[in-house]
Amino acid sequence: MKRYALALDLKDEAQLIAEYEQLHRNVAPEIKRSITDSGILRMSIYRFANRMFMIIETEDDFSFEDKAAADAANPLVQAWEQLTWKYQKAIPGAKPGEKWVVMDKIFDLSVNEHENR
């Protein structure tokens, strides 16, 4: 299994942020299926102010390129992406048109169960 951390900003408007959160309380089954069909096993999104942070855990053969190609061929995903872009804005440092940006891991702490005894 692989784990990725990604970041994205929302437009800094309280009403838009509230609408965006409401959208994510009712994600269509077809959108969820497109995520899991790509090899994503778990996805969590967190928000602080207008900054979002997403953690995904994927199958070992997961590819962002393959997911992007599948998303481009799926009209429902394209409609979802168009809708959500109304609320989102590129994070500083993102390439033009880039939404979620993969973050670099700079620290990792793992506690071994046997070390805590």
PDB file of N, CA and C in Angstrom:
ATOM      1  N   MET A   1       0.847  -1.172   0.000  1.00  0.00           N
ATOM      2  CA  MET A   1       0.000   0.000   0.000  1.00  0.00           C
ATOM      3  C   MET A   1       0.894   1.237   0.000  1.00  0.00           C
ATOM      4  N   LYS A   2       0.447   2.264  -0.717  1.00  0.00           N
ATOM      5  CA  LYS A   2       1.144   3.548  -0.760  1.00  0.00           C
ATOM      6  C   LYS A   2       0.269   4.595  -0.075  1.00  0.00           C
ATOM      7  N   ARG A   3       0.906   5.627   0.452  1.00  0.00           N
ATOM      8  CA  ARG A   3       0.184   6.741   1.080  1.00  0.00           C
ATOM      9  C   ARG A   3       0.695   8.044   0.485  1.00  0.00           C
ATOM     10  N   TYR A   4      -0.242   8.928   0.162  1.00  0.00           N
ATOM     11  CA  TYR A   4       0.093  10.232  -0.397  1.00  0.00           C
ATOM     12  C   TYR A   4      -0.625  11.312   0.413  1.00  0.00           C
ATOM     13  N   ALA A   5       0.016  12.470   0.521  1.00  0.00           N
ATOM     14  CA  ALA A   5      -0.589  13.658   1.122  1.00  0.00           C
ATOM     15  C   ALA A   5      -0.667  14.719   0.030  1.00  0.00           C
ATOM     16  N   LEU A   6      -1.818  15.367  -0.056  1.00  0.00           N
ATOM     17  CA  LEU A   6      -2.030  16.377  -1.084  1.00  0.00           C
ATOM     18  C   LEU A   6      -2.638  17.624  -0.448  1.00  0.00           C
ATOM     19  N   ALA A   7      -2.437  18.774  -1.085  1.00  0.00           N
ATOM     20  CA  ALA A   7      -2.971  20.031  -0.572  1.00  0.00           C
ATOM     21  C   ALA A   7      -3.662  20.802  -1.688  1.00  0.00           C
ATOM     22  N   LEU A   8      -4.635  21.601  -1.281  1.00  0.00           N
ATOM     23  CA  LEU A   8      -5.385  22.470  -2.194  1.00  0.00           C
ATOM     24  C   LEU A   8      -6.020  23.561  -1.358  1.00  0.00           C
ATOM     25  N   ASP A   9      -6.220  24.721  -1.933  1.00  0.00           N
ATOM     26  CA  ASP A   9      -6.897  25.815  -1.240  1.00  0.00           C
ATOM     27  C   ASP A   9      -8.322  25.974  -1.756  1.00  0.00           C
ATOM     28  N   LEU A  10      -9.152  26.511  -0.891  1.00  0.00           N
ATOM     29  CA  LEU A  10     -10.498  26.939  -1.278  1.00  0.00           C
ATOM     30  C   LEU A  10     -10.501  28.455  -1.402  1.00  0.00           C
ATOM     31  N   LYS A  11     -11.430  28.976  -2.157  1.00  0.00           N
ATOM     32  CA  LYS A  11     -11.617  30.423  -2.174  1.00  0.00           C
ATOM     33  C   LYS A  11     -11.990  30.830  -0.757  1.00  0.00           C
ATOM     34  N   ASP A  12     -11.417  31.905  -0.288  1.00  0.00           N
ATOM     35  CA  ASP A  12     -11.549  32.299   1.107  1.00  0.00           C
ATOM     36  C   ASP A  12     -12.842  33.089   1.343  1.00  0.00           C
ATOM     37  N   GLU A  13     -13.970  32.403   1.138  1.00  0.00           N
ATOM     38  CA  GLU A  13     -15.298  32.985   1.341  1.00  0.00           C
ATOM     39  C   GLU A  13     -16.121  31.985   2.139  1.00  0.00           C
ATOM     40  N   ALA A  14     -16.605  32.405   3.311  1.00  0.00           N
ATOM     41  CA  ALA A  14     -17.292  31.495   4.237  1.00  0.00           C
ATOM     42  C   ALA A  14     -18.451  30.756   3.571  1.00  0.00           C
ATOM     43  N   GLN A  15     -19.257  31.448   2.768  1.00  0.00           N
ATOM     44  CA  GLN A  15     -20.412  30.810   2.133  1.00  0.00           C
ATOM     45  C   GLN A  15     -19.972  29.725   1.153  1.00  0.00           C
ATOM     46  N   LEU A  16     -18.939  30.016   0.371  1.00  0.00           N
ATOM     47  CA  LEU A  16     -18.449  29.021  -0.584  1.00  0.00           C
ATOM     48  C   LEU A  16     -17.850  27.815   0.133  1.00  0.00           C
ATOM     49  N   ILE A  17     -17.130  28.058   1.228  1.00  0.00           N
ATOM     50  CA  ILE A  17     -16.553  26.953   1.994  1.00  0.00           C
ATOM     51  C   ILE A  17     -17.665  26.073   2.565  1.00  0.00           C
ATOM     52  N   ALA A  18     -18.722  26.702   3.087  1.00  0.00           N
ATOM     53  CA  ALA A  18     -19.853  25.930   3.621  1.00  0.00           C
ATOM     54  C   ALA A  18     -20.517  25.102   2.521  1.00  0.00           C
ATOM     55  N   GLU A  19     -20.694  25.678   1.343  1.00  0.00           N
ATOM     56  CA  GLU A  19     -21.284  24.942   0.227  1.00  0.00           C
ATOM     57  C   GLU A  19     -20.394  23.772  -0.186  1.00  0.00           C
ATOM     58  N   TYR A  20     -19.096  23.999  -0.203  1.00  0.00           N
ATOM     59  CA  TYR A  20     -18.148  22.952  -0.587  1.00  0.00           C
ATOM     60  C   TYR A  20     -18.222  21.781   0.385  1.00  0.00           C
ATOM     61  N   GLU A  21     -18.267  22.082   1.668  1.00  0.00           N
ATOM     62  CA  GLU A  21     -18.386  21.014   2.658  1.00  0.00           C
ATOM     63  C   GLU A  21     -19.701  20.259   2.492  1.00  0.00           C
ATOM     64  N   GLN A  22     -20.781  20.976   2.194  1.00  0.00           N
ATOM     65  CA  GLN A  22     -22.074  20.329   1.976  1.00  0.00           C
ATOM     66  C   GLN A  22     -22.005  19.379   0.772  1.00  0.00           C
ATOM     67  N   LEU A  23     -21.334  19.791  -0.284  1.00  0.00           N
ATOM     68  CA  LEU A  23     -21.171  18.915  -1.451  1.00  0.00           C
ATOM     69  C   LEU A  23     -20.519  17.595  -1.058  1.00  0.00           C
ATOM     70  N   HIS A  24     -19.574  17.663  -0.145  1.00  0.00           N
ATOM     71  CA  HIS A  24     -18.830  16.462   0.240  1.00  0.00           C
ATOM     72  C   HIS A  24     -19.574  15.591   1.245  1.00  0.00           C
ATOM     73  N   ARG A  25     -20.697  16.056   1.737  1.00  0.00           N
ATOM     74  CA  ARG A  25     -21.549  15.212   2.583  1.00  0.00           C
ATOM     75  C   ARG A  25     -22.438  14.313   1.735  1.00  0.00           C
ATOM     76  N   ASN A  26     -22.540  14.632   0.444  1.00  0.00           N
ATOM     77  CA  ASN A  26     -23.434  13.897  -0.454  1.00  0.00           C
ATOM     78  C   ASN A  26     -22.764  13.576  -1.782  1.00  0.00           C
ATOM     79  N   VAL A  27     -21.568  13.028  -1.738  1.00  0.00           N
ATOM     80  CA  VAL A  27     -20.852  12.690  -2.969  1.00  0.00           C
ATOM     81  C   VAL A  27     -21.580  11.531  -3.657  1.00  0.00           C
ATOM     82  N   ALA A  28     -21.812  11.692  -4.938  1.00  0.00           N
ATOM     83  CA  ALA A  28     -22.543  10.685  -5.712  1.00  0.00           C
ATOM     84  C   ALA A  28     -21.795   9.353  -5.712  1.00  0.00           C
ATOM     85  N   PRO A  29     -22.539   8.256  -5.682  1.00  0.00           N
ATOM     86  CA  PRO A  29     -21.903   6.930  -5.710  1.00  0.00           C
ATOM     87  C   PRO A  29     -20.981   6.735  -6.913  1.00  0.00           C
ATOM     88  N   GLU A  30     -21.326   7.331  -8.061  1.00  0.00           N
ATOM     89  CA  GLU A  30     -20.498   7.186  -9.260  1.00  0.00           C
ATOM     90  C   GLU A  30     -19.136   7.859  -9.084  1.00  0.00           C
ATOM     91  N   ILE A  31     -19.115   8.966  -8.345  1.00  0.00           N
ATOM     92  CA  ILE A  31     -17.847   9.659  -8.080  1.00  0.00           C
ATOM     93  C   ILE A  31     -17.013   8.826  -7.111  1.00  0.00           C
ATOM     94  N   LYS A  32     -17.649   8.307  -6.073  1.00  0.00           N
ATOM     95  CA  LYS A  32     -16.935   7.439  -5.131  1.00  0.00           C
ATOM     96  C   LYS A  32     -16.373   6.215  -5.849  1.00  0.00           C
ATOM     97  N   ARG A  33     -17.158   5.636  -6.756  1.00  0.00           N
ATOM     98  CA  ARG A  33     -16.723   4.456  -7.495  1.00  0.00           C
ATOM     99  C   ARG A  33     -15.526   4.796  -8.381  1.00  0.00           C
ATOM    100  N   SER A  34     -15.520   5.979  -8.986  1.00  0.00           N
ATOM    101  CA  SER A  34     -14.381   6.362  -9.832  1.00  0.00           C
ATOM    102  C   SER A  34     -13.101   6.468  -8.998  1.00  0.00           C
ATOM    103  N   ILE A  35     -13.241   6.847  -7.757  1.00  0.00           N
ATOM    104  CA  ILE A  35     -12.082   6.940  -6.857  1.00  0.00           C
ATOM    105  C   ILE A  35     -11.578   5.542  -6.517  1.00  0.00           C
ATOM    106  N   THR A  36     -12.478   4.683  -6.081  1.00  0.00           N
ATOM    107  CA  THR A  36     -12.050   3.341  -5.677  1.00  0.00           C
ATOM    108  C   THR A  36     -11.608   2.503  -6.876  1.00  0.00           C
ATOM    109  N   ASP A  37     -12.235   2.699  -8.035  1.00  0.00           N
ATOM    110  CA  ASP A  37     -11.827   1.962  -9.235  1.00  0.00           C
ATOM    111  C   ASP A  37     -10.406   2.303  -9.667  1.00  0.00           C
ATOM    112  N   SER A  38      -9.918   3.483  -9.258  1.00  0.00           N
ATOM    113  CA  SER A  38      -8.563   3.892  -9.643  1.00  0.00           C
ATOM    114  C   SER A  38      -7.490   3.255  -8.772  1.00  0.00           C
ATOM    115  N   GLY A  39      -7.916   2.582  -7.708  1.00  0.00           N
ATOM    116  CA  GLY A  39      -6.945   1.959  -6.813  1.00  0.00           C
ATOM    117  C   GLY A  39      -6.778   2.689  -5.496  1.00  0.00           C
ATOM    118  N   ILE A  40      -7.606   3.699  -5.255  1.00  0.00           N
ATOM    119  CA  ILE A  40      -7.570   4.403  -3.970  1.00  0.00           C
ATOM    120  C   ILE A  40      -8.419   3.608  -2.988  1.00  0.00           C
ATOM    121  N   LEU A  41      -7.797   3.213  -1.885  1.00  0.00           N
ATOM    122  CA  LEU A  41      -8.464   2.395  -0.878  1.00  0.00           C
ATOM    123  C   LEU A  41      -9.078   3.235   0.238  1.00  0.00           C
ATOM    124  N   ARG A  42      -8.431   4.319   0.585  1.00  0.00           N
ATOM    125  CA  ARG A  42      -8.914   5.225   1.636  1.00  0.00           C
ATOM    126  C   ARG A  42      -8.600   6.647   1.219  1.00  0.00           C
ATOM    127  N   MET A  43      -9.506   7.557   1.571  1.00  0.00           N
ATOM    128  CA  MET A  43      -9.308   8.978   1.292  1.00  0.00           C
ATOM    129  C   MET A  43      -9.927   9.771   2.431  1.00  0.00           C
ATOM    130  N   SER A  44      -9.159  10.702   2.967  1.00  0.00           N
ATOM    131  CA  SER A  44      -9.658  11.616   4.000  1.00  0.00           C
ATOM    132  C   SER A  44      -9.248  13.022   3.612  1.00  0.00           C
ATOM    133  N   ILE A  45     -10.180  13.968   3.791  1.00  0.00           N
ATOM    134  CA  ILE A  45      -9.894  15.369   3.510  1.00  0.00           C
ATOM    135  C   ILE A  45     -10.121  16.157   4.800  1.00  0.00           C
ATOM    136  N   TYR A  46      -9.152  17.005   5.123  1.00  0.00           N
ATOM    137  CA  TYR A  46      -9.224  17.875   6.289  1.00  0.00           C
ATOM    138  C   TYR A  46      -9.154  19.316   5.811  1.00  0.00           C
ATOM    139  N   ARG A  47      -9.706  20.225   6.625  1.00  0.00           N
ATOM    140  CA  ARG A  47      -9.687  21.642   6.264  1.00  0.00           C
ATOM    141  C   ARG A  47      -9.319  22.480   7.468  1.00  0.00           C
ATOM    142  N   PHE A  48      -8.476  23.473   7.260  1.00  0.00           N
ATOM    143  CA  PHE A  48      -8.229  24.543   8.213  1.00  0.00           C
ATOM    144  C   PHE A  48      -8.359  25.841   7.443  1.00  0.00           C
ATOM    145  N   ALA A  49      -9.291  26.694   7.871  1.00  0.00           N
ATOM    146  CA  ALA A  49      -9.578  27.929   7.148  1.00  0.00           C
ATOM    147  C   ALA A  49      -9.858  27.562   5.688  1.00  0.00           C
ATOM    148  N   ASN A  50      -9.096  28.090   4.742  1.00  0.00           N
ATOM    149  CA  ASN A  50      -9.355  27.745   3.340  1.00  0.00           C
ATOM    150  C   ASN A  50      -8.330  26.747   2.783  1.00  0.00           C
ATOM    151  N   ARG A  51      -7.474  26.195   3.637  1.00  0.00           N
ATOM    152  CA  ARG A  51      -6.473  25.211   3.199  1.00  0.00           C
ATOM    153  C   ARG A  51      -7.009  23.808   3.437  1.00  0.00           C
ATOM    154  N   MET A  52      -6.891  22.962   2.434  1.00  0.00           N
ATOM    155  CA  MET A  52      -7.316  21.568   2.562  1.00  0.00           C
ATOM    156  C   MET A  52      -6.106  20.646   2.456  1.00  0.00           C
ATOM    157  N   PHE A  53      -6.230  19.525   3.143  1.00  0.00           N
ATOM    158  CA  PHE A  53      -5.189  18.509   3.184  1.00  0.00           C
ATOM    159  C   PHE A  53      -5.869  17.169   2.983  1.00  0.00           C
ATOM    160  N   MET A  54      -5.377  16.375   2.034  1.00  0.00           N
ATOM    161  CA  MET A  54      -5.979  15.080   1.747  1.00  0.00           C
ATOM    162  C   MET A  54      -4.921  13.992   1.915  1.00  0.00           C
ATOM    163  N   ILE A  55      -5.334  12.904   2.544  1.00  0.00           N
ATOM    164  CA  ILE A  55      -4.492  11.720   2.646  1.00  0.00           C
ATOM    165  C   ILE A  55      -5.195  10.620   1.864  1.00  0.00           C
ATOM    166  N   ILE A  56      -4.446   9.967   0.971  1.00  0.00           N
ATOM    167  CA  ILE A  56      -4.998   8.807   0.274  1.00  0.00           C
ATOM    168  C   ILE A  56      -4.064   7.629   0.485  1.00  0.00           C
ATOM    169  N   GLU A  57      -4.665   6.478   0.628  1.00  0.00           N
ATOM    170  CA  GLU A  57      -3.934   5.220   0.675  1.00  0.00           C
ATOM    171  C   GLU A  57      -4.381   4.430  -0.539  1.00  0.00           C
ATOM    172  N   THR A  58      -3.404   3.891  -1.255  1.00  0.00           N
ATOM    173  CA  THR A  58      -3.684   3.276  -2.543  1.00  0.00           C
ATOM    174  C   THR A  58      -3.108   1.873  -2.643  1.00  0.00           C
ATOM    175  N   GLU A  59      -3.581   1.159  -3.634  1.00  0.00           N
ATOM    176  CA  GLU A  59      -2.969  -0.109  -3.995  1.00  0.00           C
ATOM    177  C   GLU A  59      -1.555   0.184  -4.504  1.00  0.00           C
ATOM    178  N   ASP A  60      -0.687  -0.803  -4.468  1.00  0.00           N
ATOM    179  CA  ASP A  60       0.709  -0.611  -4.862  1.00  0.00           C
ATOM    180  C   ASP A  60       0.870  -0.170  -6.313  1.00  0.00           C
ATOM    181  N   ASP A  61      -0.048  -0.589  -7.187  1.00  0.00           N
ATOM    182  CA  ASP A  61       0.090  -0.240  -8.604  1.00  0.00           C
ATOM    183  C   ASP A  61      -0.677   1.035  -8.983  1.00  0.00           C
ATOM    184  N   PHE A  62      -1.121   1.815  -7.996  1.00  0.00           N
ATOM    185  CA  PHE A  62      -1.839   3.062  -8.263  1.00  0.00           C
ATOM    186  C   PHE A  62      -0.953   4.029  -9.040  1.00  0.00           C
ATOM    187  N   SER A  63      -1.578   4.756  -9.967  1.00  0.00           N
ATOM    188  CA  SER A  63      -0.872   5.752 -10.769  1.00  0.00           C
ATOM    189  C   SER A  63      -1.743   6.993 -10.913  1.00  0.00           C
ATOM    190  N   PHE A  64      -1.178   8.169 -10.593  1.00  0.00           N
ATOM    191  CA  PHE A  64      -1.910   9.424 -10.790  1.00  0.00           C
ATOM    192  C   PHE A  64      -2.202   9.633 -12.277  1.00  0.00           C
ATOM    193  N   GLU A  65      -1.300   9.211 -13.136  1.00  0.00           N
ATOM    194  CA  GLU A  65      -1.505   9.356 -14.580  1.00  0.00           C
ATOM    195  C   GLU A  65      -2.685   8.513 -15.052  1.00  0.00           C
ATOM    196  N   ASP A  66      -2.770   7.267 -14.580  1.00  0.00           N
ATOM    197  CA  ASP A  66      -3.890   6.407 -14.959  1.00  0.00           C
ATOM    198  C   ASP A  66      -5.206   6.961 -14.422  1.00  0.00           C
ATOM    199  N   LYS A  67      -5.177   7.479 -13.207  1.00  0.00           N
ATOM    200  CA  LYS A  67      -6.401   8.066 -12.637  1.00  0.00           C
ATOM    201  C   LYS A  67      -6.836   9.279 -13.456  1.00  0.00           C
ATOM    202  N   ALA A  68      -5.884  10.127 -13.820  1.00  0.00           N
ATOM    203  CA  ALA A  68      -6.211  11.315 -14.616  1.00  0.00           C
ATOM    204  C   ALA A  68      -6.815  10.928 -15.963  1.00  0.00           C
ATOM    205  N   ALA A  69      -6.275   9.893 -16.595  1.00  0.00           N
ATOM    206  CA  ALA A  69      -6.808   9.438 -17.883  1.00  0.00           C
ATOM    207  C   ALA A  69      -8.222   8.901 -17.727  1.00  0.00           C
ATOM    208  N   ALA A  70      -8.468   8.116 -16.678  1.00  0.00           N
ATOM    209  CA  ALA A  70      -9.812   7.584 -16.431  1.00  0.00           C
ATOM    210  C   ALA A  70     -10.789   8.719 -16.119  1.00  0.00           C
ATOM    211  N   ASP A  71     -10.346   9.694 -15.331  1.00  0.00           N
ATOM    212  CA  ASP A  71     -11.203  10.838 -14.999  1.00  0.00           C
ATOM    213  C   ASP A  71     -11.552  11.644 -16.247  1.00  0.00           C
ATOM    214  N   ALA A  72     -10.586  11.828 -17.134  1.00  0.00           N
ATOM    215  CA  ALA A  72     -10.822  12.596 -18.365  1.00  0.00           C
ATOM    216  C   ALA A  72     -11.845  11.922 -19.264  1.00  0.00           C
ATOM    217  N   ALA A  73     -11.936  10.597 -19.175  1.00  0.00           N
ATOM    218  CA  ALA A  73     -12.873   9.841 -20.005  1.00  0.00           C
ATOM    219  C   ALA A  73     -14.233   9.659 -19.349  1.00  0.00           C
ATOM    220  N   ASN A  74     -14.405  10.165 -18.145  1.00  0.00           N
ATOM    221  CA  ASN A  74     -15.642   9.965 -17.391  1.00  0.00           C
ATOM    222  C   ASN A  74     -16.406  11.287 -17.292  1.00  0.00           C
ATOM    223  N   PRO A  75     -17.528  11.426 -18.019  1.00  0.00           N
ATOM    224  CA  PRO A  75     -18.274  12.687 -18.018  1.00  0.00           C
ATOM    225  C   PRO A  75     -18.782  13.092 -16.625  1.00  0.00           C
ATOM    226  N   LEU A  76     -19.134  12.118 -15.795  1.00  0.00           N
ATOM    227  CA  LEU A  76     -19.602  12.456 -14.448  1.00  0.00           C
ATOM    228  C   LEU A  76     -18.482  13.036 -13.597  1.00  0.00           C
ATOM    229  N   VAL A  77     -17.289  12.490 -13.709  1.00  0.00           N
ATOM    230  CA  VAL A  77     -16.141  13.031 -12.974  1.00  0.00           C
ATOM    231  C   VAL A  77     -15.809  14.420 -13.506  1.00  0.00           C
ATOM    232  N   GLN A  78     -15.868  14.602 -14.814  1.00  0.00           N
ATOM    233  CA  GLN A  78     -15.588  15.921 -15.382  1.00  0.00           C
ATOM    234  C   GLN A  78     -16.591  16.958 -14.888  1.00  0.00           C
ATOM    235  N   ALA A  79     -17.855  16.586 -14.772  1.00  0.00           N
ATOM    236  CA  ALA A  79     -18.875  17.503 -14.250  1.00  0.00           C
ATOM    237  C   ALA A  79     -18.591  17.830 -12.779  1.00  0.00           C
ATOM    238  N   TRP A  80     -18.201  16.808 -12.005  1.00  0.00           N
ATOM    239  CA  TRP A  80     -17.854  17.025 -10.589  1.00  0.00           C
ATOM    240  C   TRP A  80     -16.658  17.969 -10.474  1.00  0.00           C
ATOM    241  N   GLU A  81     -15.640  17.746 -11.285  1.00  0.00           N
ATOM    242  CA  GLU A  81     -14.448  18.593 -11.240  1.00  0.00           C
ATOM    243  C   GLU A  81     -14.778  20.036 -11.613  1.00  0.00           C
ATOM    244  N   GLN A  82     -15.627  20.201 -12.612  1.00  0.00           N
ATOM    245  CA  GLN A  82     -16.042  21.552 -13.013  1.00  0.00           C
ATOM    246  C   GLN A  82     -16.823  22.235 -11.883  1.00  0.00           C
ATOM    247  N   LEU A  83     -17.716  21.497 -11.245  1.00  0.00           N
ATOM    248  CA  LEU A  83     -18.500  22.034 -10.136  1.00  0.00           C
ATOM    249  C   LEU A  83     -17.601  22.433  -8.971  1.00  0.00           C
ATOM    250  N   THR A  84     -16.680  21.559  -8.567  1.00  0.00           N
ATOM    251  CA  THR A  84     -15.859  21.842  -7.392  1.00  0.00           C
ATOM    252  C   THR A  84     -14.835  22.951  -7.653  1.00  0.00           C
ATOM    253  N   TRP A  85     -14.433  23.150  -8.902  1.00  0.00           N
ATOM    254  CA  TRP A  85     -13.472  24.208  -9.205  1.00  0.00           C
ATOM    255  C   TRP A  85     -14.045  25.582  -8.884  1.00  0.00           C
ATOM    256  N   LYS A  86     -15.362  25.691  -8.830  1.00  0.00           N
ATOM    257  CA  LYS A  86     -16.018  26.949  -8.439  1.00  0.00           C
ATOM    258  C   LYS A  86     -15.578  27.367  -7.042  1.00  0.00           C
ATOM    259  N   TYR A  87     -15.256  26.411  -6.197  1.00  0.00           N
ATOM    260  CA  TYR A  87     -14.917  26.649  -4.801  1.00  0.00           C
ATOM    261  C   TYR A  87     -13.416  26.624  -4.535  1.00  0.00           C
ATOM    262  N   GLN A  88     -12.662  26.033  -5.435  1.00  0.00           N
ATOM    263  CA  GLN A  88     -11.244  25.786  -5.212  1.00  0.00           C
ATOM    264  C   GLN A  88     -10.381  26.833  -5.904  1.00  0.00           C
ATOM    265  N   LYS A  89      -9.157  26.951  -5.413  1.00  0.00           N
ATOM    266  CA  LYS A  89      -8.151  27.752  -6.107  1.00  0.00           C
ATOM    267  C   LYS A  89      -6.813  27.053  -5.937  1.00  0.00           C
ATOM    268  N   ALA A  90      -5.957  27.250  -6.896  1.00  0.00           N
ATOM    269  CA  ALA A  90      -4.657  26.588  -6.872  1.00  0.00           C
ATOM    270  C   ALA A  90      -3.849  27.037  -5.664  1.00  0.00           C
ATOM    271  N   ILE A  91      -3.150  26.097  -5.076  1.00  0.00           N
ATOM    272  CA  ILE A  91      -2.272  26.397  -3.956  1.00  0.00           C
ATOM    273  C   ILE A  91      -1.021  27.106  -4.502  1.00  0.00           C
ATOM    274  N   PRO A  92      -0.441  28.024  -3.727  1.00  0.00           N
ATOM    275  CA  PRO A  92       0.788  28.663  -4.219  1.00  0.00           C
ATOM    276  C   PRO A  92       1.829  27.615  -4.612  1.00  0.00           C
ATOM    277  N   GLY A  93       2.432  27.818  -5.771  1.00  0.00           N
ATOM    278  CA  GLY A  93       3.435  26.883  -6.272  1.00  0.00           C
ATOM    279  C   GLY A  93       2.887  25.827  -7.216  1.00  0.00           C
ATOM    280  N   ALA A  94       1.553  25.733  -7.339  1.00  0.00           N
ATOM    281  CA  ALA A  94       0.954  24.759  -8.249  1.00  0.00           C
ATOM    282  C   ALA A  94       1.188  25.183  -9.694  1.00  0.00           C
ATOM    283  N   LYS A  95       1.230  24.188 -10.574  1.00  0.00           N
ATOM    284  CA  LYS A  95       1.342  24.458 -12.003  1.00  0.00           C
ATOM    285  C   LYS A  95       0.000  24.995 -12.503  1.00  0.00           C
ATOM    286  N   PRO A  96      -0.023  25.733 -13.605  1.00  0.00           N
ATOM    287  CA  PRO A  96      -1.293  26.240 -14.131  1.00  0.00           C
ATOM    288  C   PRO A  96      -2.295  25.100 -14.351  1.00  0.00           C
ATOM    289  N   GLY A  97      -3.511  25.278 -13.831  1.00  0.00           N
ATOM    290  CA  GLY A  97      -4.567  24.288 -13.975  1.00  0.00           C
ATOM    291  C   GLY A  97      -4.475  23.125 -13.007  1.00  0.00           C
ATOM    292  N   GLU A  98      -3.424  23.054 -12.206  1.00  0.00           N
ATOM    293  CA  GLU A  98      -3.241  21.948 -11.265  1.00  0.00           C
ATOM    294  C   GLU A  98      -4.090  22.204 -10.020  1.00  0.00           C
ATOM    295  N   LYS A  99      -4.812  21.175  -9.606  1.00  0.00           N
ATOM    296  CA  LYS A  99      -5.632  21.273  -8.406  1.00  0.00           C
ATOM    297  C   LYS A  99      -4.854  20.718  -7.221  1.00  0.00           C
ATOM    298  N   TRP A 100      -5.178  19.514  -6.823  1.00  0.00           N
ATOM    299  CA  TRP A 100      -4.505  18.887  -5.687  1.00  0.00           C
ATOM    300  C   TRP A 100      -3.034  18.689  -6.007  1.00  0.00           C
ATOM    301  N   VAL A 101      -2.164  19.123  -5.117  1.00  0.00           N
ATOM    302  CA  VAL A 101      -0.719  19.024  -5.292  1.00  0.00           C
ATOM    303  C   VAL A 101      -0.178  17.996  -4.303  1.00  0.00           C
ATOM    304  N   VAL A 102       0.599  17.048  -4.813  1.00  0.00           N
ATOM    305  CA  VAL A 102       1.206  16.035  -3.952  1.00  0.00           C
ATOM    306  C   VAL A 102       2.309  16.692  -3.128  1.00  0.00           C
ATOM    307  N   MET A 103       2.249  16.440  -1.824  1.00  0.00           N
ATOM    308  CA  MET A 103       3.220  17.022  -0.905  1.00  0.00           C
ATOM    309  C   MET A 103       4.380  16.046  -0.693  1.00  0.00           C
ATOM    310  N   ASP A 104       5.557  16.590  -0.412  1.00  0.00           N
ATOM    311  CA  ASP A 104       6.725  15.784  -0.098  1.00  0.00           C
ATOM    312  C   ASP A 104       6.736  15.462   1.388  1.00  0.00           C
ATOM    313  N   LYS A 105       6.980  14.206   1.717  1.00  0.00           N
ATOM    314  CA  LYS A 105       7.107  13.818   3.124  1.00  0.00           C
ATOM    315  C   LYS A 105       8.479  14.283   3.610  1.00  0.00           C
ATOM    316  N   ILE A 106       8.494  15.003   4.729  1.00  0.00           N
ATOM    317  CA  ILE A 106       9.761  15.485   5.268  1.00  0.00           C
ATOM    318  C   ILE A 106      10.078  14.898   6.641  1.00  0.00           C
ATOM    319  N   PHE A 107       9.117  14.177   7.235  1.00  0.00           N
ATOM    320  CA  PHE A 107       9.341  13.578   8.550  1.00  0.00           C
ATOM    321  C   PHE A 107       8.382  12.417   8.715  1.00  0.00           C
ATOM    322  N   ASP A 108       8.837  11.380   9.401  1.00  0.00           N
ATOM    323  CA  ASP A 108       7.999  10.224   9.663  1.00  0.00           C
ATOM    324  C   ASP A 108       8.405   9.647  11.010  1.00  0.00           C
ATOM    325  N   LEU A 109       7.461   9.462  11.887  1.00  0.00           N
ATOM    326  CA  LEU A 109       7.706   8.860  13.193  1.00  0.00           C
ATOM    327  C   LEU A 109       6.825   7.637  13.302  1.00  0.00           C
ATOM    328  N   SER A 110       7.426   6.508  13.506  1.00  0.00           N
ATOM    329  CA  SER A 110       6.683   5.266  13.679  1.00  0.00           C
ATOM    330  C   SER A 110       7.082   4.673  15.017  1.00  0.00           C
ATOM    331  N   VAL A 111       6.101   4.341  15.805  1.00  0.00           N
ATOM    332  CA  VAL A 111       6.356   3.745  17.113  1.00  0.00           C
ATOM    333  C   VAL A 111       6.145   2.250  16.988  1.00  0.00           C
ATOM    334  N   ASN A 112       7.149   1.505  17.302  1.00  0.00           N
ATOM    335  CA  ASN A 112       7.070   0.050  17.308  1.00  0.00           C
ATOM    336  C   ASN A 112       6.341  -0.375  18.564  1.00  0.00           C
ATOM    337  N   GLU A 113       5.342  -1.230  18.415  1.00  0.00           N
ATOM    338  CA  GLU A 113       4.527  -1.683  19.552  1.00  0.00           C
ATOM    339  C   GLU A 113       5.387  -2.211  20.677  1.00  0.00           C
ATOM    340  N   HIS A 114       6.456  -2.920  20.354  1.00  0.00           N
ATOM    341  CA  HIS A 114       7.315  -3.539  21.374  1.00  0.00           C
ATOM    342  C   HIS A 114       8.159  -2.515  22.119  1.00  0.00           C
ATOM    343  N   GLU A 115       8.388  -1.341  21.520  1.00  0.00           N
ATOM    344  CA  GLU A 115       9.190  -0.309  22.169  1.00  0.00           C
ATOM    345  C   GLU A 115       8.415   0.390  23.281  1.00  0.00           C
ATOM    346  N   ASN A 116       7.093   0.289  23.272  1.00  0.00           N
ATOM    347  CA  ASN A 116       6.279   0.996  24.267  1.00  0.00           C
ATOM    348  C   ASN A 116       6.099   0.210  25.559  1.00  0.00           C
ATOM    349  N   ARG A 117       6.695  -0.926  25.677  1.00  0.00           N
ATOM    350  CA  ARG A 117       6.503  -1.748  26.874  1.00  0.00           C
ATOM    351  C   ARG A 117       7.540  -1.480  27.921  1.00  0.00           C
TER     352      ARG A 117
END
